[in-house]
Protein backbone atom coordinates (compact mmCIF):
# COMPACT_ATOMS: atom_id res chain seq x y z
CA MET A 1 -10.58 -34.18 6.84
CA HIS A 2 -13.74 -32.44 8.07
CA ARG A 3 -16.34 -32.56 5.35
CA PRO A 4 -19.73 -30.77 5.97
CA PRO A 5 -22.87 -32.58 4.93
CA HIS A 6 -24.07 -32.39 1.36
CA GLY A 7 -25.85 -29.25 0.95
CA SER A 8 -24.73 -27.86 4.04
CA SER A 9 -23.67 -24.03 4.20
CA VAL A 10 -21.03 -24.29 6.77
CA PRO A 11 -17.91 -23.22 5.31
CA PRO A 12 -14.80 -25.30 5.11
CA PRO A 13 -12.03 -24.95 7.34
CA ALA A 14 -9.30 -22.81 6.72
CA ALA A 15 -5.59 -23.29 6.74
CA GLY A 16 -4.58 -24.62 9.94
CA GLY A 17 -7.88 -26.30 10.64
CA ALA A 18 -9.73 -23.37 12.31
CA PRO A 19 -13.21 -23.21 10.66
CA ALA A 20 -13.43 -19.86 8.05
CA ARG A 21 -15.53 -17.35 9.20
CA ASP A 22 -18.69 -17.33 7.19
CA THR A 23 -18.89 -13.46 5.96
CA SER A 24 -21.76 -13.66 3.64
CA HIS A 25 -24.18 -12.92 6.57
CA ARG A 26 -22.16 -9.98 7.43
CA ILE A 27 -22.04 -8.67 3.53
CA GLY A 28 -25.87 -9.28 3.30
CA ARG A 29 -26.38 -6.94 6.25
CA GLN A 30 -24.06 -4.35 4.84
CA MET A 31 -25.84 -4.32 1.48
CA MET A 32 -29.17 -4.22 3.06
CA LYS A 33 -28.05 -1.12 5.23
CA ALA A 34 -26.85 0.44 1.91
CA HIS A 35 -30.10 -0.18 0.14
CA ARG A 36 -31.94 1.45 2.98
CA SER A 37 -29.45 4.42 3.07
CA LEU A 38 -30.36 4.89 -0.77
CA ASN A 39 -33.86 4.62 -0.35
CA THR A 40 -33.81 7.02 2.16
CA LEU A 41 -31.57 9.65 0.12
CA VAL A 42 -34.13 8.97 -2.63
CA ALA A 43 -37.09 9.78 -0.69
CA ALA A 44 -35.27 13.02 0.75
CA THR A 45 -34.35 13.92 -3.08
CA VAL A 46 -38.10 13.44 -3.90
CA LEU A 47 -39.50 15.46 -0.98
CA ALA A 48 -36.78 18.27 -1.75
CA LEU A 49 -37.60 18.39 -5.71
CA GLY A 50 -41.38 18.33 -4.69
CA GLY A 51 -40.93 21.54 -2.62
CA LEU A 52 -39.13 23.16 -5.21
CA SER A 53 -41.51 22.35 -8.14
CA ALA A 54 -43.60 25.59 -7.95
CA SER A 55 -40.16 27.19 -8.80
CA VAL A 56 -38.75 24.80 -11.28
CA PRO A 57 -39.91 25.42 -15.13
CA ALA A 58 -42.08 22.24 -16.61
CA GLN A 59 -39.63 20.39 -18.79
CA ALA A 60 -40.25 19.12 -22.35
CA GLY A 61 -42.58 16.26 -22.66
CA ASP A 62 -44.06 16.95 -19.18
CA CYS A 63 -47.16 18.73 -21.22
CA THR A 64 -49.25 16.80 -23.88
CA GLY A 65 -52.46 18.73 -25.65
CA HIS A 66 -54.84 17.85 -28.18
CA ILE A 67 -56.19 20.34 -30.92
CA VAL A 68 -59.57 21.42 -30.36
CA GLY A 69 -62.05 23.99 -31.84
CA VAL A 70 -60.92 23.93 -35.57
CA ARG A 71 -63.02 22.74 -38.35
CA PRO A 72 -62.66 18.99 -39.35
CA ILE A 73 -60.44 18.00 -41.95
CA SER A 74 -63.47 17.49 -44.18
CA GLN A 75 -63.53 21.16 -44.31
CA TYR A 76 -60.18 21.79 -45.15
CA ASN A 77 -59.04 24.92 -47.31
CA HIS A 78 -55.68 26.21 -46.77
CA ALA A 79 -56.33 29.62 -48.57
CA ALA A 80 -59.20 30.07 -46.28
CA GLY A 81 -57.45 28.82 -43.28
CA ASN A 82 -60.47 26.12 -42.41
CA GLY A 83 -59.69 22.57 -41.42
CA PHE A 84 -56.23 23.16 -39.71
CA LEU A 85 -54.35 24.99 -36.57
CA ALA A 86 -51.16 26.83 -38.23
CA VAL A 87 -47.67 26.33 -36.76
CA ARG A 88 -45.71 29.21 -37.12
CA SER A 89 -41.93 30.05 -36.48
CA GLY A 90 -42.67 32.09 -33.66
CA PRO A 91 -44.98 33.08 -30.88
CA GLY A 92 -47.55 35.25 -32.78
CA SER A 93 -49.79 35.42 -36.08
CA GLY A 94 -47.21 37.54 -37.90
CA TYR A 95 -44.46 34.79 -38.08
CA GLN A 96 -44.40 32.49 -40.89
CA GLN A 97 -46.60 29.33 -41.10
CA ILE A 98 -44.40 26.25 -41.14
CA GLY A 99 -46.90 23.54 -40.63
CA GLU A 100 -50.29 22.51 -39.94
CA PHE A 101 -52.02 20.58 -37.14
CA TYR A 102 -55.60 19.01 -37.38
CA LEU A 103 -58.50 18.39 -35.11
CA GLY A 104 -57.55 15.83 -32.50
CA ASP A 105 -54.13 15.62 -33.26
CA GLU A 106 -51.46 14.95 -30.08
CA ILE A 107 -48.93 17.48 -29.38
CA ALA A 108 -45.92 17.92 -26.74
CA VAL A 109 -46.04 21.41 -25.40
CA TRP A 110 -42.52 22.76 -23.82
CA ASP A 111 -43.04 26.46 -23.85
CA ARG A 112 -45.54 29.17 -23.84
CA ARG A 113 -45.49 32.85 -24.36
CA GLY A 114 -48.60 34.81 -23.62
CA ASN A 115 -51.43 32.55 -25.46
CA TRP A 116 -48.88 30.95 -27.52
CA TYR A 117 -47.62 27.44 -26.91
CA ALA A 118 -44.43 26.00 -28.55
CA ALA A 119 -45.37 22.56 -29.47
CA MET A 120 -44.76 19.37 -31.77
CA CYS A 121 -46.72 16.72 -33.43
CA MET A 122 -46.79 13.24 -31.36
CA SER A 123 -49.36 11.64 -33.16
CA GLY A 124 -52.43 12.35 -35.42
CA ARG A 125 -52.83 13.39 -39.02
CA CYS A 126 -50.02 15.77 -38.39
CA ASN A 127 -47.56 13.04 -39.09
CA ASN A 128 -49.03 13.11 -42.83
CA PRO A 129 -49.85 16.56 -43.13
CA LEU A 130 -52.09 18.15 -46.38
CA TRP A 131 -49.57 21.00 -46.67
CA ALA A 132 -45.65 21.18 -45.29
CA GLN A 133 -43.67 18.51 -43.72
CA PRO A 134 -44.59 16.06 -41.29
CA SER A 135 -44.19 16.17 -37.91
CA ALA A 136 -44.80 19.56 -37.55
CA GLN A 137 -42.72 21.76 -34.78
CA GLY A 138 -43.55 25.47 -33.73
CA TRP A 139 -45.82 27.87 -32.34
CA VAL A 140 -49.69 27.50 -32.04
CA TYR A 141 -52.59 29.34 -30.54
CA GLY A 142 -53.40 28.37 -27.15
CA LYS A 143 -57.20 29.10 -27.88
CA TYR A 144 -57.11 25.76 -29.87
CA VAL A 145 -55.10 23.44 -27.57
CA SER A 146 -56.39 21.54 -24.94
CA VAL A 147 -53.64 20.92 -22.55
CA GLY A 148 -52.43 18.53 -19.68
CA GLY A 149 -50.11 17.26 -17.32
CA VAL A 150 -47.10 19.63 -15.99
CA CYS A 151 -47.47 22.39 -18.46
CA PRO A 152 -45.52 25.65 -18.85
């Protein structure tokens, strides 16, 4: 009976005494070829999408911003409209106020209509507001938002 030395990678003989075919190298080459094909496909997809990026609208979470230009929380006065940025139910000052953002709050922006951004609270005082429910989500006037990233 044929026995390969200890630790040898030589396959044992097949039935009838003929050595078995070592298919591990062939499978390894096939896997490497498939991996290269997948990498090529991914690269082509990225290039194709990159070429279309100008016509594809930004997606939620791609754009973040911070509240700027409002008075500090120390000057908060809800009745006078000081110390906060009103979050509204629609893109305009005629819509109902549903929440508040404060100076320095971080927000996610996913839509824009003129000078108004659709936004939601990510971090900051807006998670523990002085008025309304935490983590407001609605429309804010763009003059008081500094945005970055892929924005609408």
